[in-house]
Amino acid sequence: MNAQPYTHCASVYWVFTQLCNDQCDHCYNLSGPQGARISTEECLQIVQNLPEKMDRLILSGGEPLADKAKLYAILDAVKQRYGNATQVMLQTNGDLLNEAILDELLAKGVSRFDIASIDRYHKKKGERIEILRNLFLSRGLSDDNTKPLVEKETYLHTDAPSFGFWGATEDMWLGGNWARGRAMEKNIWKKDPEHNFCKILSGAIGFLGGVDEVPQEISIQLWKINPCCPGTLYPMGDARIEKVSDVLLRVSENPVFQALNQGEPWKMGEHMGISYEEAKAKTQELENICLYCDHFFGLHMQPDNEKFIALPLYHY
C-alpha cells in the first residue's frame, strides 16, 4: 500500500462519551450512568486533531444527550473548523430528545439523527417512535431513508436533514456480535467463528481506504483511534495528542493493518509465518473473530513499540 497523507477521511465515528441514561446488556463499551468520560478540553483537542477534511462525522456514545454540554461544545468546534463541509450525524437512543434540544442541535449543524435504540435491549424498546417521528417531521426533517446509512449511495451527504430508526439485531452490529464489554459479561456475544465482522461496515474493512465495497471509516472510542468500532486490543493512537492522519499514515505500511483494511483478519499473521488455516483453527476454538483478533494482538502486537499506545482497550 502506497503511503498517503490521510488528510481526507470519508467518515469518522466518534464515541466521545460512555455516559448513558440506560445500561443495556449488549453494550460493547460498558456505557451507563457510571460510563467513562474524557474532559471537554480533551474533546476540543481531538476536534483539532481530526483529518483536515471529513465527509461525515458521527457522534455517538453512550448517550450523547446525557453529556449535552460536552456535545454542544464539540458541535461548536466542528462548525468553526469545518463549516458546512462535513455532514454531522448524531446517534442517540432518543430518550432525552425534545423540541428545544432538537432545535439547538439543528442550529449547531446536525443534519442526520439516528435513533439507534429500536430493539429488545434498550429500556424503551421503541416506545417513543411516533413521538420522535412527529417531532422530526414538525421540523422539516426527511423520512425518505429511515434505515441505517450504510450503503454507498446513502452513506454521505443527503440533500436535506433526515432521521432514521434502527437498533441492534443478530444480523447487524451489536446484537450478540461484538465480544466486548457488557455483552461479554452477560454472555450474549456472537459465538460464530465463521462470522467475519471485519468484512462489513463498522468492521475494519476500508479504514485505510482503497476498498471498493465500503467507504473509508475509522472509529475513535473516547480518545483511542481504532480501525473498527469494536476496537483492537491496543489502539492505533491517541487522538488527544496525535493527528489522526499521522496515525493512519504510520500504520498503513504495517502488514497487520493492511490485512484488516482488506477485511481479512485471518491473514494478519501471514507475513510472520502464521497461516490462514492456523488463524481459522484458533478462531474456531475462540468462537469469535474479535476474540481471535485480541489473541493475535496480545501475542504479536505488544505495545512495547513506539507505534502503539501502551494501554489495552478492554479488560476482561
Protein backbone atom coordinates (compact mmCIF):
# COMPACT_ATOMS: atom_id res chain seq x y z
CA MET A 1 0.00 0.00 0.00
CA ASN A 2 1.42 3.35 -1.00
CA ALA A 3 1.80 5.90 1.76
CA GLN A 4 -0.65 8.78 1.57
CA PRO A 5 -1.22 11.73 3.88
CA TYR A 6 -4.72 10.70 5.07
CA THR A 7 -5.70 14.32 5.43
CA HIS A 8 -9.10 13.40 3.94
CA CYS A 9 -11.27 10.77 5.66
CA ALA A 10 -14.70 9.80 4.38
CA SER A 11 -16.14 9.08 7.82
CA VAL A 12 -15.14 9.30 11.47
CA TYR A 13 -17.24 7.52 14.10
CA TRP A 14 -16.52 9.09 17.47
CA VAL A 15 -17.79 7.84 20.82
CA PHE A 16 -16.93 10.96 22.81
CA THR A 17 -18.65 9.76 25.99
CA GLN A 18 -19.70 6.49 27.58
CA LEU A 19 -22.09 8.24 29.95
CA CYS A 20 -25.62 7.00 29.33
CA ASN A 21 -29.07 7.14 30.91
CA ASP A 22 -29.50 3.44 30.09
CA GLN A 23 -27.38 0.41 30.85
CA CYS A 24 -28.03 -2.11 28.09
CA ASP A 25 -26.94 -5.73 28.40
CA HIS A 26 -25.39 -5.75 24.93
CA CYS A 27 -23.34 -2.56 25.26
CA TYR A 28 -19.87 -3.13 23.87
CA ASN A 29 -18.25 -0.14 25.61
CA LEU A 30 -19.85 -0.51 29.08
CA SER A 31 -21.84 2.69 28.77
CA GLY A 32 -24.18 3.61 31.60
CA PRO A 33 -24.72 6.10 34.43
CA GLN A 34 -21.10 5.48 35.53
CA GLY A 35 -19.72 5.31 31.99
CA ALA A 36 -16.21 6.57 31.22
CA ARG A 37 -15.72 10.15 30.06
CA ILE A 38 -12.98 12.49 28.95
CA SER A 39 -12.90 16.22 29.58
CA THR A 40 -14.32 18.89 27.33
CA GLU A 41 -10.80 20.22 26.84
CA GLU A 42 -9.65 16.81 25.61
CA CYS A 43 -12.62 16.62 23.25
CA LEU A 44 -11.79 20.03 21.78
CA GLN A 45 -8.19 18.94 21.24
CA ILE A 46 -9.43 15.84 19.43
CA VAL A 47 -11.50 18.04 17.11
CA GLN A 48 -8.30 19.85 16.16
CA ASN A 49 -6.56 16.51 15.54
CA LEU A 50 -9.22 15.13 13.21
CA PRO A 51 -8.39 14.95 9.48
CA GLU A 52 -8.29 18.26 7.64
CA LYS A 53 -11.26 17.11 5.57
CA MET A 54 -14.05 14.77 6.65
CA ASP A 55 -17.15 13.95 4.63
CA ARG A 56 -19.07 12.94 7.73
CA LEU A 57 -18.66 12.85 11.48
CA ILE A 58 -20.84 10.50 13.52
CA LEU A 59 -21.11 11.42 17.20
CA SER A 60 -22.21 8.64 19.49
CA GLY A 61 -21.91 7.23 22.98
CA GLY A 62 -23.01 6.24 25.48
CA GLU A 63 -25.84 8.65 25.08
CA PRO A 64 -24.61 11.95 23.64
CA LEU A 65 -27.51 13.88 25.17
CA ALA A 66 -26.56 12.60 28.63
CA ASP A 67 -23.36 14.64 28.17
CA LYS A 68 -25.11 17.56 26.48
CA ALA A 69 -22.80 20.44 27.39
CA LYS A 70 -19.83 18.49 26.01
CA LEU A 71 -21.77 17.61 22.87
CA TYR A 72 -22.64 21.25 22.26
CA ALA A 73 -19.00 22.30 22.74
CA ILE A 74 -17.90 19.67 20.19
CA LEU A 75 -20.53 20.77 17.68
CA ASP A 76 -19.47 24.41 18.01
CA ALA A 77 -15.81 23.47 17.49
CA VAL A 78 -16.64 21.26 14.48
CA LYS A 79 -18.73 24.05 12.95
CA GLN A 80 -15.91 26.54 13.46
CA ARG A 81 -13.31 24.24 11.91
CA TYR A 82 -15.25 22.64 9.04
CA GLY A 83 -18.18 24.96 8.37
CA ASN A 84 -20.78 23.15 6.27
CA ALA A 85 -18.24 20.90 4.54
CA THR A 86 -18.77 17.99 6.96
CA GLN A 87 -22.07 16.22 7.49
CA VAL A 88 -22.63 15.83 11.23
CA MET A 89 -24.69 12.85 12.34
CA LEU A 90 -25.91 12.01 15.84
CA GLN A 91 -26.64 8.54 17.18
CA THR A 92 -28.92 8.70 20.19
CA ASN A 93 -31.40 6.46 21.99
CA GLY A 94 -33.88 9.34 21.74
CA ASP A 95 -34.97 9.16 25.38
CA LEU A 96 -33.76 12.68 26.22
CA LEU A 97 -34.64 14.40 22.95
CA ASN A 98 -37.28 17.14 23.00
CA GLU A 99 -38.26 20.17 20.91
CA ALA A 100 -35.82 22.62 22.47
CA ILE A 101 -32.87 20.23 22.23
CA LEU A 102 -33.70 19.29 18.63
CA ASP A 103 -33.84 22.96 17.64
CA GLU A 104 -30.47 23.56 19.29
CA LEU A 105 -28.88 20.57 17.57
CA LEU A 106 -30.18 21.67 14.17
CA ALA A 107 -28.85 25.17 14.76
CA LYS A 108 -25.46 23.71 15.62
CA GLY A 109 -25.27 21.79 12.36
CA VAL A 110 -26.54 18.26 12.99
CA SER A 111 -28.24 17.08 9.80
CA ARG A 112 -28.88 13.41 10.48
CA PHE A 113 -30.44 11.81 13.56
CA ASP A 114 -30.29 8.04 14.08
CA ILE A 115 -32.45 6.71 16.88
CA ALA A 116 -30.36 3.60 17.46
CA SER A 117 -32.47 2.01 20.18
CA ILE A 118 -35.26 0.15 18.42
CA ASP A 119 -34.51 -3.30 19.76
CA ARG A 120 -35.15 -5.51 22.76
CA TYR A 121 -32.03 -4.42 24.64
CA HIS A 122 -32.92 -0.77 25.22
CA LYS A 123 -35.13 0.35 28.07
CA LYS A 124 -37.90 1.91 25.97
CA LYS A 125 -37.59 -0.52 23.02
CA GLY A 126 -39.04 1.92 20.53
CA GLU A 127 -41.91 3.22 22.65
CA ARG A 128 -41.18 6.82 21.57
CA ILE A 129 -41.05 6.17 17.83
CA GLU A 130 -44.22 8.09 16.96
CA ILE A 131 -43.43 10.95 19.35
CA LEU A 132 -39.99 11.32 17.81
CA ARG A 133 -41.23 10.86 14.25
CA ASN A 134 -43.75 13.67 14.70
CA LEU A 135 -41.08 15.83 16.32
CA PHE A 136 -38.68 15.35 13.42
CA LEU A 137 -41.37 15.91 10.80
CA SER A 138 -42.50 19.09 12.56
CA ARG A 139 -39.00 20.49 11.94
CA GLY A 140 -38.98 19.53 8.29
CA LEU A 141 -36.67 16.53 8.53
CA SER A 142 -36.97 13.90 5.82
CA ASP A 143 -38.02 10.32 6.49
CA ASP A 144 -37.15 9.14 2.97
CA ASN A 145 -34.46 6.86 4.36
CA THR A 146 -35.05 5.70 7.90
CA LYS A 147 -32.67 2.75 7.64
CA PRO A 148 -29.01 3.00 8.69
CA LEU A 149 -26.97 4.94 6.14
CA VAL A 150 -24.54 2.15 5.40
CA GLU A 151 -24.85 1.74 1.64
CA LYS A 152 -22.57 3.79 -0.57
CA GLU A 153 -25.45 5.64 -2.19
CA THR A 154 -26.79 6.79 1.18
CA TYR A 155 -23.56 6.92 3.16
CA LEU A 156 -22.58 10.54 2.73
CA HIS A 157 -24.30 13.87 2.25
CA THR A 158 -28.05 13.91 1.77
CA ASP A 159 -29.96 16.84 0.35
CA ALA A 160 -31.93 17.60 3.49
CA PRO A 161 -31.77 16.89 7.22
CA SER A 162 -33.13 13.41 7.89
CA PHE A 163 -33.77 10.84 10.58
CA GLY A 164 -33.82 7.09 10.98
CA PHE A 165 -34.86 4.36 13.39
CA TRP A 166 -32.92 1.15 13.91
CA GLY A 167 -31.27 -0.98 16.54
CA ALA A 168 -29.14 -3.98 17.34
CA THR A 169 -30.01 -7.29 15.71
CA GLU A 170 -28.25 -10.62 15.49
CA ASP A 171 -27.52 -9.91 11.83
CA MET A 172 -26.17 -6.41 12.22
CA TRP A 173 -23.88 -4.68 14.69
CA LEU A 174 -24.24 -5.13 18.42
CA GLY A 175 -26.84 -7.81 18.86
CA GLY A 176 -24.59 -10.50 20.23
CA ASN A 177 -21.94 -9.76 17.61
CA TRP A 178 -19.19 -7.94 19.42
CA ALA A 179 -17.29 -9.91 22.04
CA ARG A 180 -16.81 -6.77 24.07
CA GLY A 181 -17.89 -5.02 27.25
CA ARG A 182 -21.22 -5.90 28.82
CA ALA A 183 -22.06 -8.38 26.06
CA MET A 184 -19.14 -10.44 27.36
CA GLU A 185 -20.28 -10.04 30.97
CA LYS A 186 -23.82 -11.11 30.05
CA ASN A 187 -22.59 -13.89 27.73
CA ILE A 188 -24.62 -12.67 24.75
CA TRP A 189 -21.72 -12.21 22.33
CA LYS A 190 -21.91 -13.86 18.95
CA LYS A 191 -20.49 -17.37 19.06
CA ASP A 192 -19.93 -17.96 15.36
CA PRO A 193 -16.31 -18.49 14.28
CA GLU A 194 -17.28 -18.15 10.61
CA HIS A 195 -18.75 -14.67 11.06
CA ASN A 196 -16.23 -12.13 9.73
CA PHE A 197 -17.25 -8.84 11.29
CA CYS A 198 -14.17 -7.20 9.76
CA LYS A 199 -15.76 -7.59 6.34
CA ILE A 200 -18.72 -5.26 6.91
CA LEU A 201 -19.06 -1.55 7.61
CA SER A 202 -18.17 -0.76 11.23
CA GLY A 203 -15.60 -3.54 10.95
CA ALA A 204 -12.07 -2.75 9.89
CA ILE A 205 -12.55 -3.13 6.15
CA GLY A 206 -11.59 0.02 4.29
CA PHE A 207 -10.43 2.01 7.30
CA LEU A 208 -7.30 2.99 5.35
CA GLY A 209 -9.28 3.47 2.14
CA GLY A 210 -8.83 1.88 -1.25
CA VAL A 211 -11.60 -0.73 -0.84
CA ASP A 212 -14.43 -0.51 -3.35
CA GLU A 213 -17.14 -2.19 -1.28
CA VAL A 214 -17.29 0.39 1.52
CA PRO A 215 -16.27 3.99 2.11
CA GLN A 216 -13.40 4.70 4.47
CA GLU A 217 -14.36 4.92 8.15
CA ILE A 218 -12.32 4.98 11.33
CA SER A 219 -13.52 4.76 14.92
CA ILE A 220 -12.46 6.80 17.93
CA GLN A 221 -13.50 5.42 21.31
CA LEU A 222 -13.13 8.38 23.67
CA TRP A 223 -9.52 9.09 22.59
CA LYS A 224 -8.49 5.68 21.22
CA ILE A 225 -8.05 5.60 17.43
CA ASN A 226 -9.27 2.25 16.09
CA PRO A 227 -9.70 0.56 12.71
CA CYS A 228 -13.19 -0.64 13.71
CA CYS A 229 -15.99 0.12 16.15
CA PRO A 230 -15.32 -2.90 18.42
CA GLY A 231 -11.70 -1.77 18.61
CA THR A 232 -8.48 -3.73 18.56
CA LEU A 233 -6.86 -4.83 21.82
CA TYR A 234 -4.41 -1.95 21.58
CA PRO A 235 -5.47 1.27 19.85
CA MET A 236 -3.50 2.67 16.93
CA GLY A 237 -3.02 6.04 18.58
CA ASP A 238 -4.24 8.75 20.93
CA ALA A 239 -6.40 11.40 19.27
CA ARG A 240 -5.78 13.83 22.13
CA ILE A 241 -2.10 14.20 21.31
CA GLU A 242 -1.71 12.88 17.75
CA LYS A 243 -3.10 13.90 14.38
CA VAL A 244 -5.40 11.17 13.12
CA SER A 245 -3.83 11.47 9.67
CA ASP A 246 -0.36 10.86 11.17
CA VAL A 247 -1.58 7.74 12.95
CA LEU A 248 -3.19 6.30 9.80
CA LEU A 249 -0.05 7.00 7.79
CA ARG A 250 2.04 5.32 10.48
CA VAL A 251 0.08 2.06 10.44
CA SER A 252 -0.58 1.99 6.69
CA GLU A 253 2.70 0.19 5.97
CA ASN A 254 2.10 -2.48 8.63
CA PRO A 255 1.00 -5.83 7.12
CA VAL A 256 -1.31 -6.49 10.08
CA PHE A 257 -3.32 -3.35 9.45
CA GLN A 258 -3.18 -3.87 5.70
CA ALA A 259 -4.90 -7.24 6.20
CA LEU A 260 -7.54 -5.64 8.44
CA ASN A 261 -8.10 -2.94 5.84
CA GLN A 262 -8.93 -5.66 3.33
CA GLY A 263 -11.36 -7.26 5.78
CA GLU A 264 -9.07 -10.29 6.12
CA PRO A 265 -8.28 -10.73 9.84
CA TRP A 266 -7.21 -14.33 9.33
CA LYS A 267 -4.35 -13.05 7.17
CA MET A 268 -2.90 -10.71 9.80
CA GLY A 269 -0.03 -13.05 10.58
CA GLU A 270 0.85 -14.45 7.17
CA HIS A 271 3.92 -12.23 6.90
CA MET A 272 5.26 -13.76 10.11
CA GLY A 273 4.50 -17.36 9.20
CA ILE A 274 1.04 -17.73 10.76
CA SER A 275 -1.07 -19.40 8.09
CA TYR A 276 -4.67 -18.63 7.24
CA GLU A 277 -5.54 -22.17 8.31
CA GLU A 278 -3.89 -21.72 11.72
CA ALA A 279 -5.79 -18.47 12.26
CA LYS A 280 -9.09 -20.08 11.30
CA ALA A 281 -8.44 -23.00 13.64
CA LYS A 282 -7.76 -20.65 16.56
CA THR A 283 -10.94 -18.72 15.77
CA GLN A 284 -12.89 -22.00 15.84
CA GLU A 285 -11.54 -22.52 19.35
CA LEU A 286 -12.34 -18.97 20.48
CA GLU A 287 -15.71 -18.86 18.63
CA ASN A 288 -15.48 -15.21 17.59
CA ILE A 289 -13.33 -13.18 15.19
CA CYS A 290 -12.93 -10.28 17.66
CA LEU A 291 -11.53 -12.70 20.22
CA TYR A 292 -9.11 -14.07 17.65
CA CYS A 293 -8.01 -10.51 16.90
CA ASP A 294 -7.46 -9.92 20.64
CA HIS A 295 -5.49 -13.15 20.86
CA PHE A 296 -3.31 -12.16 17.90
CA PHE A 297 -2.66 -8.63 19.19
CA GLY A 298 -1.88 -9.94 22.66
CA LEU A 299 0.78 -12.28 21.29
CA HIS A 300 2.20 -10.35 18.37
CA MET A 301 1.40 -6.65 18.82
CA GLN A 302 2.62 -6.00 22.32
CA PRO A 303 2.71 -2.23 22.88
CA ASP A 304 6.43 -2.01 23.53
CA ASN A 305 6.83 -0.46 20.09
CA GLU A 306 6.63 3.30 19.73
CA LYS A 307 3.97 2.79 17.06
CA PHE A 308 1.42 1.50 19.57
CA ILE A 309 -0.24 3.04 22.58
CA ALA A 310 0.63 1.10 25.74
CA LEU A 311 -2.89 0.67 27.07
CA PRO A 312 -5.28 -2.24 26.45
CA LEU A 313 -8.70 -1.20 25.18
CA TYR A 314 -10.66 -3.74 27.19
CA HIS A 315 -10.24 -5.62 30.44
CA TYR A 316 -12.00 -8.96 30.87
